[in-house]
Amino acid sequence: MIRMPNCDICKYYFDEAEINCCEAFPERIPLEVMIKAGPGVECAPGYFFEEKESDRIYGEPPADGLYARMMRLKNSKG
């Protein structure tokens, strides 16, 4: 089962970045952090996962977002 990482909906996530990064991890979000991200989880010292205050959260995920990239990878492996 594929679990959608919460990073895409965190208020610290950089939507414009070509790689997965955020204020806590400006170079790249480590896979182990993506897996554990969730309400109340401290991703890095001083950075706790918090959902964006946006109505876009519950709409379609962004075409270049983490979920879309995971699905492309899954589908390319057949």
PDB file of N, CA and C in Angstrom:
ATOM      1  N   MET A   1       0.840  -1.183   0.000  1.00  0.00           N
ATOM      2  CA  MET A   1       0.000   0.000   0.000  1.00  0.00           C
ATOM      3  C   MET A   1       0.884   1.245   0.000  1.00  0.00           C
ATOM      4  N   ILE A   2       0.541   2.199  -0.831  1.00  0.00           N
ATOM      5  CA  ILE A   2       1.277   3.463  -0.875  1.00  0.00           C
ATOM      6  C   ILE A   2       0.629   4.431   0.094  1.00  0.00           C
ATOM      7  N   ARG A   3       1.450   5.038   0.912  1.00  0.00           N
ATOM      8  CA  ARG A   3       0.983   6.046   1.866  1.00  0.00           C
ATOM      9  C   ARG A   3       1.448   7.398   1.359  1.00  0.00           C
ATOM     10  N   MET A   4       0.528   8.332   1.194  1.00  0.00           N
ATOM     11  CA  MET A   4       0.872   9.655   0.695  1.00  0.00           C
ATOM     12  C   MET A   4       1.604  10.446   1.771  1.00  0.00           C
ATOM     13  N   PRO A   5       2.805  10.926   1.468  1.00  0.00           N
ATOM     14  CA  PRO A   5       3.526  11.733   2.455  1.00  0.00           C
ATOM     15  C   PRO A   5       2.773  13.035   2.752  1.00  0.00           C
ATOM     16  N   ASN A   6       2.824  13.467   3.968  1.00  0.00           N
ATOM     17  CA  ASN A   6       2.147  14.694   4.368  1.00  0.00           C
ATOM     18  C   ASN A   6       2.937  15.951   4.036  1.00  0.00           C
ATOM     19  N   CYS A   7       4.169  15.805   3.592  1.00  0.00           N
ATOM     20  CA  CYS A   7       5.007  16.976   3.330  1.00  0.00           C
ATOM     21  C   CYS A   7       4.340  17.969   2.385  1.00  0.00           C
ATOM     22  N   ASP A   8       3.643  17.475   1.353  1.00  0.00           N
ATOM     23  CA  ASP A   8       2.975  18.345   0.382  1.00  0.00           C
ATOM     24  C   ASP A   8       1.976  19.295   1.038  1.00  0.00           C
ATOM     25  N   ILE A   9       1.406  18.905   2.153  1.00  0.00           N
ATOM     26  CA  ILE A   9       0.384  19.747   2.776  1.00  0.00           C
ATOM     27  C   ILE A   9       0.891  20.464   4.029  1.00  0.00           C
ATOM     28  N   CYS A  10       2.190  20.396   4.287  1.00  0.00           N
ATOM     29  CA  CYS A  10       2.776  21.080   5.442  1.00  0.00           C
ATOM     30  C   CYS A  10       3.030  22.548   5.093  1.00  0.00           C
ATOM     31  N   LYS A  11       2.811  23.418   6.044  1.00  0.00           N
ATOM     32  CA  LYS A  11       2.982  24.844   5.780  1.00  0.00           C
ATOM     33  C   LYS A  11       4.443  25.226   5.538  1.00  0.00           C
ATOM     34  N   TYR A  12       5.387  24.377   5.881  1.00  0.00           N
ATOM     35  CA  TYR A  12       6.808  24.674   5.682  1.00  0.00           C
ATOM     36  C   TYR A  12       7.347  24.164   4.338  1.00  0.00           C
ATOM     37  N   TYR A  13       6.550  23.409   3.597  1.00  0.00           N
ATOM     38  CA  TYR A  13       6.967  22.810   2.328  1.00  0.00           C
ATOM     39  C   TYR A  13       7.092  23.883   1.250  1.00  0.00           C
ATOM     40  N   PHE A  14       8.118  23.801   0.407  1.00  0.00           N
ATOM     41  CA  PHE A  14       8.308  24.734  -0.707  1.00  0.00           C
ATOM     42  C   PHE A  14       7.634  24.151  -1.945  1.00  0.00           C
ATOM     43  N   ASP A  15       6.497  24.701  -2.329  1.00  0.00           N
ATOM     44  CA  ASP A  15       5.767  24.210  -3.497  1.00  0.00           C
ATOM     45  C   ASP A  15       6.513  24.453  -4.804  1.00  0.00           C
ATOM     46  N   GLU A  16       7.301  25.513  -4.863  1.00  0.00           N
ATOM     47  CA  GLU A  16       7.957  25.898  -6.109  1.00  0.00           C
ATOM     48  C   GLU A  16       9.247  25.123  -6.380  1.00  0.00           C
ATOM     49  N   ALA A  17       9.746  24.423  -5.422  1.00  0.00           N
ATOM     50  CA  ALA A  17      11.036  23.743  -5.560  1.00  0.00           C
ATOM     51  C   ALA A  17      10.931  22.535  -6.488  1.00  0.00           C
ATOM     52  N   GLU A  18      12.007  22.272  -7.234  1.00  0.00           N
ATOM     53  CA  GLU A  18      12.029  21.110  -8.125  1.00  0.00           C
ATOM     54  C   GLU A  18      12.326  19.821  -7.369  1.00  0.00           C
ATOM     55  N   ILE A  19      12.946  19.938  -6.205  1.00  0.00           N
ATOM     56  CA  ILE A  19      13.167  18.781  -5.350  1.00  0.00           C
ATOM     57  C   ILE A  19      12.330  18.966  -4.094  1.00  0.00           C
ATOM     58  N   ASN A  20      12.121  17.918  -3.349  1.00  0.00           N
ATOM     59  CA  ASN A  20      11.324  17.994  -2.126  1.00  0.00           C
ATOM     60  C   ASN A  20      12.133  18.668  -1.035  1.00  0.00           C
ATOM     61  N   CYS A  21      11.774  19.915  -0.701  1.00  0.00           N
ATOM     62  CA  CYS A  21      12.459  20.613   0.373  1.00  0.00           C
ATOM     63  C   CYS A  21      11.485  21.518   1.112  1.00  0.00           C
ATOM     64  N   CYS A  22      11.925  21.972   2.283  1.00  0.00           N
ATOM     65  CA  CYS A  22      11.089  22.800   3.134  1.00  0.00           C
ATOM     66  C   CYS A  22      11.988  23.677   3.994  1.00  0.00           C
ATOM     67  N   GLU A  23      11.378  24.469   4.865  1.00  0.00           N
ATOM     68  CA  GLU A  23      12.173  25.335   5.742  1.00  0.00           C
ATOM     69  C   GLU A  23      13.085  24.522   6.661  1.00  0.00           C
ATOM     70  N   ALA A  24      12.627  23.371   7.105  1.00  0.00           N
ATOM     71  CA  ALA A  24      13.440  22.527   7.991  1.00  0.00           C
ATOM     72  C   ALA A  24      14.572  21.842   7.228  1.00  0.00           C
ATOM     73  N   PHE A  25      14.336  21.522   5.961  1.00  0.00           N
ATOM     74  CA  PHE A  25      15.319  20.833   5.117  1.00  0.00           C
ATOM     75  C   PHE A  25      15.406  21.545   3.763  1.00  0.00           C
ATOM     76  N   PRO A  26      16.100  22.673   3.706  1.00  0.00           N
ATOM     77  CA  PRO A  26      16.136  23.468   2.469  1.00  0.00           C
ATOM     78  C   PRO A  26      16.880  22.807   1.309  1.00  0.00           C
ATOM     79  N   GLU A  27      17.715  21.822   1.579  1.00  0.00           N
ATOM     80  CA  GLU A  27      18.444  21.130   0.509  1.00  0.00           C
ATOM     81  C   GLU A  27      17.631  19.962  -0.058  1.00  0.00           C
ATOM     82  N   ARG A  28      17.022  19.168   0.808  1.00  0.00           N
ATOM     83  CA  ARG A  28      16.200  18.020   0.407  1.00  0.00           C
ATOM     84  C   ARG A  28      15.631  17.375   1.669  1.00  0.00           C
ATOM     85  N   ILE A  29      14.368  16.984   1.619  1.00  0.00           N
ATOM     86  CA  ILE A  29      13.735  16.314   2.757  1.00  0.00           C
ATOM     87  C   ILE A  29      14.162  14.843   2.745  1.00  0.00           C
ATOM     88  N   PRO A  30      14.765  14.363   3.825  1.00  0.00           N
ATOM     89  CA  PRO A  30      15.156  12.947   3.885  1.00  0.00           C
ATOM     90  C   PRO A  30      13.932  12.028   3.845  1.00  0.00           C
ATOM     91  N   LEU A  31      14.083  10.877   3.208  1.00  0.00           N
ATOM     92  CA  LEU A  31      12.981   9.926   3.078  1.00  0.00           C
ATOM     93  C   LEU A  31      12.409   9.540   4.439  1.00  0.00           C
ATOM     94  N   GLU A  32      13.271   9.323   5.425  1.00  0.00           N
ATOM     95  CA  GLU A  32      12.768   8.912   6.748  1.00  0.00           C
ATOM     96  C   GLU A  32      11.910   9.995   7.391  1.00  0.00           C
ATOM     97  N   VAL A  33      12.145  11.247   7.046  1.00  0.00           N
ATOM     98  CA  VAL A  33      11.321  12.348   7.564  1.00  0.00           C
ATOM     99  C   VAL A  33       9.979  12.358   6.836  1.00  0.00           C
ATOM    100  N   MET A  34       9.994  12.155   5.511  1.00  0.00           N
ATOM    101  CA  MET A  34       8.738  12.121   4.740  1.00  0.00           C
ATOM    102  C   MET A  34       7.816  11.030   5.257  1.00  0.00           C
ATOM    103  N   ILE A  35       8.391   9.901   5.596  1.00  0.00           N
ATOM    104  CA  ILE A  35       7.595   8.762   6.044  1.00  0.00           C
ATOM    105  C   ILE A  35       6.913   9.047   7.385  1.00  0.00           C
ATOM    106  N   LYS A  36       7.618   9.726   8.287  1.00  0.00           N
ATOM    107  CA  LYS A  36       7.049   9.943   9.626  1.00  0.00           C
ATOM    108  C   LYS A  36       6.254  11.237   9.763  1.00  0.00           C
ATOM    109  N   ALA A  37       6.298  12.133   8.768  1.00  0.00           N
ATOM    110  CA  ALA A  37       5.624  13.426   8.872  1.00  0.00           C
ATOM    111  C   ALA A  37       4.136  13.246   9.151  1.00  0.00           C
ATOM    112  N   GLY A  38       3.654  13.963  10.138  1.00  0.00           N
ATOM    113  CA  GLY A  38       2.248  13.893  10.494  1.00  0.00           C
ATOM    114  C   GLY A  38       1.959  14.858  11.629  1.00  0.00           C
ATOM    115  N   PRO A  39       0.703  15.036  11.976  1.00  0.00           N
ATOM    116  CA  PRO A  39       0.329  15.964  13.035  1.00  0.00           C
ATOM    117  C   PRO A  39       1.119  15.737  14.319  1.00  0.00           C
ATOM    118  N   GLY A  40       1.732  16.811  14.810  1.00  0.00           N
ATOM    119  CA  GLY A  40       2.466  16.766  16.067  1.00  0.00           C
ATOM    120  C   GLY A  40       3.875  16.220  15.983  1.00  0.00           C
ATOM    121  N   VAL A  41       4.317  15.790  14.804  1.00  0.00           N
ATOM    122  CA  VAL A  41       5.653  15.214  14.643  1.00  0.00           C
ATOM    123  C   VAL A  41       6.671  16.337  14.442  1.00  0.00           C
ATOM    124  N   GLU A  42       7.774  16.270  15.194  1.00  0.00           N
ATOM    125  CA  GLU A  42       8.859  17.228  15.018  1.00  0.00           C
ATOM    126  C   GLU A  42       9.789  16.670  13.937  1.00  0.00           C
ATOM    127  N   CYS A  43       9.807  17.335  12.789  1.00  0.00           N
ATOM    128  CA  CYS A  43      10.614  16.867  11.653  1.00  0.00           C
ATOM    129  C   CYS A  43      12.086  17.210  11.831  1.00  0.00           C
ATOM    130  N   ALA A  44      12.345  18.365  12.396  1.00  0.00           N
ATOM    131  CA  ALA A  44      13.691  18.849  12.686  1.00  0.00           C
ATOM    132  C   ALA A  44      13.564  19.728  13.918  1.00  0.00           C
ATOM    133  N   PRO A  45      14.646  19.979  14.636  1.00  0.00           N
ATOM    134  CA  PRO A  45      14.544  20.802  15.841  1.00  0.00           C
ATOM    135  C   PRO A  45      13.839  22.144  15.565  1.00  0.00           C
ATOM    136  N   GLY A  46      12.722  22.341  16.235  1.00  0.00           N
ATOM    137  CA  GLY A  46      11.958  23.579  16.093  1.00  0.00           C
ATOM    138  C   GLY A  46      10.934  23.574  14.975  1.00  0.00           C
ATOM    139  N   TYR A  47      10.866  22.513  14.186  1.00  0.00           N
ATOM    140  CA  TYR A  47       9.912  22.426  13.079  1.00  0.00           C
ATOM    141  C   TYR A  47       8.984  21.234  13.293  1.00  0.00           C
ATOM    142  N   PHE A  48       7.728  21.546  13.550  1.00  0.00           N
ATOM    143  CA  PHE A  48       6.711  20.525  13.720  1.00  0.00           C
ATOM    144  C   PHE A  48       5.805  20.538  12.499  1.00  0.00           C
ATOM    145  N   PHE A  49       5.363  19.353  12.056  1.00  0.00           N
ATOM    146  CA  PHE A  49       4.438  19.276  10.942  1.00  0.00           C
ATOM    147  C   PHE A  49       3.182  20.060  11.275  1.00  0.00           C
ATOM    148  N   GLU A  50       2.788  20.964  10.370  1.00  0.00           N
ATOM    149  CA  GLU A  50       1.545  21.722  10.513  1.00  0.00           C
ATOM    150  C   GLU A  50       0.911  21.834   9.139  1.00  0.00           C
ATOM    151  N   GLU A  51      -0.374  21.495   9.034  1.00  0.00           N
ATOM    152  CA  GLU A  51      -1.063  21.602   7.755  1.00  0.00           C
ATOM    153  C   GLU A  51      -1.178  23.060   7.332  1.00  0.00           C
ATOM    154  N   LYS A  52      -1.097  23.278   6.021  1.00  0.00           N
ATOM    155  CA  LYS A  52      -1.292  24.618   5.464  1.00  0.00           C
ATOM    156  C   LYS A  52      -2.713  25.062   5.739  1.00  0.00           C
ATOM    157  N   GLU A  53      -2.894  26.331   5.955  1.00  0.00           N
ATOM    158  CA  GLU A  53      -4.236  26.873   6.120  1.00  0.00           C
ATOM    159  C   GLU A  53      -4.715  27.339   4.752  1.00  0.00           C
ATOM    160  N   SER A  54      -5.069  26.363   3.935  1.00  0.00           N
ATOM    161  CA  SER A  54      -5.444  26.628   2.553  1.00  0.00           C
ATOM    162  C   SER A  54      -6.536  25.670   2.144  1.00  0.00           C
ATOM    163  N   ASP A  55      -7.454  26.161   1.325  1.00  0.00           N
ATOM    164  CA  ASP A  55      -8.512  25.261   0.860  1.00  0.00           C
ATOM    165  C   ASP A  55      -7.990  24.314  -0.223  1.00  0.00           C
ATOM    166  N   ARG A  56      -6.787  24.527  -0.713  1.00  0.00           N
ATOM    167  CA  ARG A  56      -6.188  23.678  -1.733  1.00  0.00           C
ATOM    168  C   ARG A  56      -5.801  22.316  -1.175  1.00  0.00           C
ATOM    169  N   ILE A  57      -5.638  22.215   0.127  1.00  0.00           N
ATOM    170  CA  ILE A  57      -5.204  20.961   0.752  1.00  0.00           C
ATOM    171  C   ILE A  57      -6.112  19.796   0.369  1.00  0.00           C
ATOM    172  N   TYR A  58      -7.392  20.026   0.367  1.00  0.00           N
ATOM    173  CA  TYR A  58      -8.321  18.931   0.134  1.00  0.00           C
ATOM    174  C   TYR A  58      -8.757  18.836  -1.324  1.00  0.00           C
ATOM    175  N   GLY A  59      -8.160  19.631  -2.193  1.00  0.00           N
ATOM    176  CA  GLY A  59      -8.441  19.559  -3.620  1.00  0.00           C
ATOM    177  C   GLY A  59      -7.477  18.606  -4.293  1.00  0.00           C
ATOM    178  N   GLU A  60      -7.311  18.788  -5.583  1.00  0.00           N
ATOM    179  CA  GLU A  60      -6.378  17.961  -6.341  1.00  0.00           C
ATOM    180  C   GLU A  60      -4.952  18.262  -5.903  1.00  0.00           C
ATOM    181  N   PRO A  61      -4.121  17.234  -5.761  1.00  0.00           N
ATOM    182  CA  PRO A  61      -2.717  17.487  -5.428  1.00  0.00           C
ATOM    183  C   PRO A  61      -2.034  18.169  -6.607  1.00  0.00           C
ATOM    184  N   PRO A  62      -1.012  18.977  -6.369  1.00  0.00           N
ATOM    185  CA  PRO A  62      -0.333  19.663  -7.462  1.00  0.00           C
ATOM    186  C   PRO A  62       0.295  18.667  -8.434  1.00  0.00           C
ATOM    187  N   ALA A  63       0.286  19.028  -9.733  1.00  0.00           N
ATOM    188  CA  ALA A  63       0.798  18.140 -10.776  1.00  0.00           C
ATOM    189  C   ALA A  63       2.276  17.812 -10.586  1.00  0.00           C
ATOM    190  N   ASP A  64       3.023  18.715  -9.974  1.00  0.00           N
ATOM    191  CA  ASP A  64       4.449  18.481  -9.769  1.00  0.00           C
ATOM    192  C   ASP A  64       4.765  18.163  -8.313  1.00  0.00           C
ATOM    193  N   GLY A  65       3.727  17.874  -7.532  1.00  0.00           N
ATOM    194  CA  GLY A  65       3.908  17.593  -6.107  1.00  0.00           C
ATOM    195  C   GLY A  65       4.435  16.187  -5.849  1.00  0.00           C
ATOM    196  N   LEU A  66       4.697  15.919  -4.618  1.00  0.00           N
ATOM    197  CA  LEU A  66       5.279  14.657  -4.181  1.00  0.00           C
ATOM    198  C   LEU A  66       4.398  13.457  -4.547  1.00  0.00           C
ATOM    199  N   TYR A  67       3.105  13.563  -4.332  1.00  0.00           N
ATOM    200  CA  TYR A  67       2.195  12.460  -4.639  1.00  0.00           C
ATOM    201  C   TYR A  67       2.220  12.132  -6.131  1.00  0.00           C
ATOM    202  N   ALA A  68       2.158  13.159  -6.984  1.00  0.00           N
ATOM    203  CA  ALA A  68       2.169  12.949  -8.432  1.00  0.00           C
ATOM    204  C   ALA A  68       3.472  12.287  -8.879  1.00  0.00           C
ATOM    205  N   ARG A  69       4.583  12.718  -8.306  1.00  0.00           N
ATOM    206  CA  ARG A  69       5.867  12.121  -8.666  1.00  0.00           C
ATOM    207  C   ARG A  69       5.940  10.661  -8.235  1.00  0.00           C
ATOM    208  N   MET A  70       5.398  10.354  -7.069  1.00  0.00           N
ATOM    209  CA  MET A  70       5.390   8.960  -6.591  1.00  0.00           C
ATOM    210  C   MET A  70       4.539   8.086  -7.515  1.00  0.00           C
ATOM    211  N   MET A  71       3.391   8.608  -7.946  1.00  0.00           N
ATOM    212  CA  MET A  71       2.519   7.837  -8.807  1.00  0.00           C
ATOM    213  C   MET A  71       3.152   7.612 -10.177  1.00  0.00           C
ATOM    214  N   ARG A  72       3.858   8.610 -10.719  1.00  0.00           N
ATOM    215  CA  ARG A  72       4.557   8.430 -11.992  1.00  0.00           C
ATOM    216  C   ARG A  72       5.612   7.350 -11.858  1.00  0.00           C
ATOM    217  N   LEU A  73       6.344   7.371 -10.753  1.00  0.00           N
ATOM    218  CA  LEU A  73       7.375   6.363 -10.517  1.00  0.00           C
ATOM    219  C   LEU A  73       6.759   4.973 -10.407  1.00  0.00           C
ATOM    220  N   LYS A  74       5.693   4.862  -9.662  1.00  0.00           N
ATOM    221  CA  LYS A  74       4.989   3.575  -9.495  1.00  0.00           C
ATOM    222  C   LYS A  74       4.499   3.065 -10.838  1.00  0.00           C
ATOM    223  N   ASN A  75       3.891   3.926 -11.653  1.00  0.00           N
ATOM    224  CA  ASN A  75       3.344   3.515 -12.941  1.00  0.00           C
ATOM    225  C   ASN A  75       4.442   3.183 -13.948  1.00  0.00           C
ATOM    226  N   SER A  76       5.595   3.812 -13.833  1.00  0.00           N
ATOM    227  CA  SER A  76       6.685   3.526 -14.778  1.00  0.00           C
ATOM    228  C   SER A  76       7.316   2.157 -14.504  1.00  0.00           C
ATOM    229  N   LYS A  77       7.166   1.658 -13.275  1.00  0.00           N
ATOM    230  CA  LYS A  77       7.717   0.346 -12.930  1.00  0.00           C
ATOM    231  C   LYS A  77       6.774  -0.779 -13.348  1.00  0.00           C
ATOM    232  N   GLY A  78       5.553  -0.385 -13.712  1.00  0.00           N
ATOM    233  CA  GLY A  78       4.582  -1.322 -14.259  1.00  0.00           C
ATOM    234  C   GLY A  78       4.040  -2.269 -13.312  1.00  0.00           C
TER     235      GLY A  78
END
